[in-house]
Amino acid sequence: MVAAIRTVAFPGVDVLPIIEQGSPVVIDGERQWVTFDQTDYNQAPFADIGANFEKKYPAATAKVGWATLCALLIKEAVNSSTRAIQRS
């Protein structure tokens, strides 16, 4: 028997397969393992995409407790990332 392979397509991006992922989640106060569908994509280019974006649009940062927050222009981030992915 062959397992069915589901795919999803985004404008300007090749068809991506859907894979099942899982994660522990607290539901009604109890920890449960939950599975969900996610596109299977190559994470490698995202560090470069982010670094190139920050060169063009420097982000404002601030400390809140132990966390460092980063405020950026979301519309420009999405558009810039989309163009970079379409070129790759």
C-alpha atoms as a PDB file:
ATOM      1  CA  MET A   1       0.000   0.000   0.000  1.00  0.00           C
ATOM      2  CA  VAL A   2       1.325   3.477  -0.899  1.00  0.00           C
ATOM      3  CA  ALA A   3       0.736   6.338   1.531  1.00  0.00           C
ATOM      4  CA  ALA A   4      -1.014   9.344   0.066  1.00  0.00           C
ATOM      5  CA  ILE A   5       1.183  12.417  -0.298  1.00  0.00           C
ATOM      6  CA  ARG A   6      -0.611  15.722   0.107  1.00  0.00           C
ATOM      7  CA  THR A   7       0.879  18.930  -1.234  1.00  0.00           C
ATOM      8  CA  VAL A   8       0.266  22.678  -1.021  1.00  0.00           C
ATOM      9  CA  ALA A   9       1.328  25.448  -3.411  1.00  0.00           C
ATOM     10  CA  PHE A  10       1.946  29.122  -2.761  1.00  0.00           C
ATOM     11  CA  PRO A  11       2.182  31.817  -5.464  1.00  0.00           C
ATOM     12  CA  GLY A  12       5.712  31.813  -6.858  1.00  0.00           C
ATOM     13  CA  VAL A  13       6.811  28.831  -4.747  1.00  0.00           C
ATOM     14  CA  ASP A  14       7.133  25.215  -5.829  1.00  0.00           C
ATOM     15  CA  VAL A  15       4.616  22.699  -4.537  1.00  0.00           C
ATOM     16  CA  LEU A  16       5.502  21.654  -1.002  1.00  0.00           C
ATOM     17  CA  PRO A  17       4.606  18.304   0.591  1.00  0.00           C
ATOM     18  CA  ILE A  18       2.567  18.213   3.792  1.00  0.00           C
ATOM     19  CA  ILE A  19       4.096  16.223   6.668  1.00  0.00           C
ATOM     20  CA  GLU A  20       2.695  15.293  10.060  1.00  0.00           C
ATOM     21  CA  GLN A  21       4.418  16.869  13.061  1.00  0.00           C
ATOM     22  CA  GLY A  22       3.774  16.494  16.773  1.00  0.00           C
ATOM     23  CA  SER A  23       4.279  18.457  19.931  1.00  0.00           C
ATOM     24  CA  PRO A  24       3.375  18.283  23.621  1.00  0.00           C
ATOM     25  CA  VAL A  25       0.529  20.710  24.416  1.00  0.00           C
ATOM     26  CA  VAL A  26      -1.308  21.448  27.654  1.00  0.00           C
ATOM     27  CA  ILE A  27      -5.052  21.023  27.086  1.00  0.00           C
ATOM     28  CA  ASP A  28      -7.464  21.485  29.997  1.00  0.00           C
ATOM     29  CA  GLY A  29      -4.518  21.396  32.399  1.00  0.00           C
ATOM     30  CA  GLU A  30      -3.179  18.083  31.082  1.00  0.00           C
ATOM     31  CA  ARG A  31      -0.137  17.544  28.909  1.00  0.00           C
ATOM     32  CA  GLN A  32      -1.043  15.747  25.697  1.00  0.00           C
ATOM     33  CA  TRP A  33       0.785  14.867  22.509  1.00  0.00           C
ATOM     34  CA  VAL A  34      -0.939  16.574  19.570  1.00  0.00           C
ATOM     35  CA  THR A  35      -0.211  15.998  15.891  1.00  0.00           C
ATOM     36  CA  PHE A  36      -0.719  18.574  13.159  1.00  0.00           C
ATOM     37  CA  ASP A  37      -0.002  19.013   9.464  1.00  0.00           C
ATOM     38  CA  GLN A  38       2.828  21.272   8.353  1.00  0.00           C
ATOM     39  CA  THR A  39       4.481  22.019   5.036  1.00  0.00           C
ATOM     40  CA  ASP A  40       7.868  20.371   4.598  1.00  0.00           C
ATOM     41  CA  TYR A  41      10.248  23.154   3.645  1.00  0.00           C
ATOM     42  CA  ASN A  42      13.961  23.890   3.552  1.00  0.00           C
ATOM     43  CA  GLN A  43      14.845  26.090   6.557  1.00  0.00           C
ATOM     44  CA  ALA A  44      18.390  26.819   5.343  1.00  0.00           C
ATOM     45  CA  PRO A  45      17.796  30.098   3.497  1.00  0.00           C
ATOM     46  CA  PHE A  46      15.908  31.828   6.325  1.00  0.00           C
ATOM     47  CA  ALA A  47      18.993  32.929   8.288  1.00  0.00           C
ATOM     48  CA  ASP A  48      20.366  34.684   5.195  1.00  0.00           C
ATOM     49  CA  ILE A  49      16.960  36.161   4.358  1.00  0.00           C
ATOM     50  CA  GLY A  50      16.715  37.597   7.880  1.00  0.00           C
ATOM     51  CA  ALA A  51      20.253  38.983   7.865  1.00  0.00           C
ATOM     52  CA  ASN A  52      19.711  40.674   4.489  1.00  0.00           C
ATOM     53  CA  PHE A  53      16.402  42.133   5.677  1.00  0.00           C
ATOM     54  CA  GLU A  54      18.000  43.557   8.833  1.00  0.00           C
ATOM     55  CA  LYS A  55      20.688  45.288   6.726  1.00  0.00           C
ATOM     56  CA  LYS A  56      18.013  47.112   4.739  1.00  0.00           C
ATOM     57  CA  TYR A  57      15.463  47.614   7.551  1.00  0.00           C
ATOM     58  CA  PRO A  58      17.214  47.743  10.951  1.00  0.00           C
ATOM     59  CA  ALA A  59      14.922  46.496  13.711  1.00  0.00           C
ATOM     60  CA  ALA A  60      14.343  48.201  17.042  1.00  0.00           C
ATOM     61  CA  THR A  61      15.239  45.971  20.005  1.00  0.00           C
ATOM     62  CA  ALA A  62      14.398  46.168  23.712  1.00  0.00           C
ATOM     63  CA  LYS A  63      14.823  43.955  26.777  1.00  0.00           C
ATOM     64  CA  VAL A  64      11.745  42.735  28.640  1.00  0.00           C
ATOM     65  CA  GLY A  65      12.771  40.561  31.555  1.00  0.00           C
ATOM     66  CA  TRP A  66      15.196  37.983  30.153  1.00  0.00           C
ATOM     67  CA  ALA A  67      13.873  38.292  26.613  1.00  0.00           C
ATOM     68  CA  THR A  68      15.160  40.516  23.849  1.00  0.00           C
ATOM     69  CA  LEU A  69      12.298  41.788  21.710  1.00  0.00           C
ATOM     70  CA  CYS A  70      12.724  42.794  18.099  1.00  0.00           C
ATOM     71  CA  ALA A  71      10.235  45.149  16.394  1.00  0.00           C
ATOM     72  CA  LEU A  72      10.273  45.141  12.623  1.00  0.00           C
ATOM     73  CA  LEU A  73       8.185  46.305   9.695  1.00  0.00           C
ATOM     74  CA  ILE A  74       6.039  43.228   9.061  1.00  0.00           C
ATOM     75  CA  LYS A  75       4.768  44.198   5.585  1.00  0.00           C
ATOM     76  CA  GLU A  76       8.329  44.806   4.377  1.00  0.00           C
ATOM     77  CA  ALA A  77       9.505  41.591   6.053  1.00  0.00           C
ATOM     78  CA  VAL A  78       6.855  39.485   4.302  1.00  0.00           C
ATOM     79  CA  ASN A  79       7.389  41.131   0.914  1.00  0.00           C
ATOM     80  CA  SER A  80      11.186  40.938   1.172  1.00  0.00           C
ATOM     81  CA  SER A  81      11.071  37.275   2.243  1.00  0.00           C
ATOM     82  CA  THR A  82       8.650  36.372  -0.528  1.00  0.00           C
ATOM     83  CA  ARG A  83      10.903  37.944  -3.160  1.00  0.00           C
ATOM     84  CA  ALA A  84      13.981  36.175  -1.754  1.00  0.00           C
ATOM     85  CA  ILE A  85      12.239  32.775  -1.757  1.00  0.00           C
ATOM     86  CA  GLN A  86      10.950  33.278  -5.298  1.00  0.00           C
ATOM     87  CA  ARG A  87      14.508  34.069  -6.492  1.00  0.00           C
ATOM     88  CA  SER A  88      15.980  30.952  -4.872  1.00  0.00           C
END
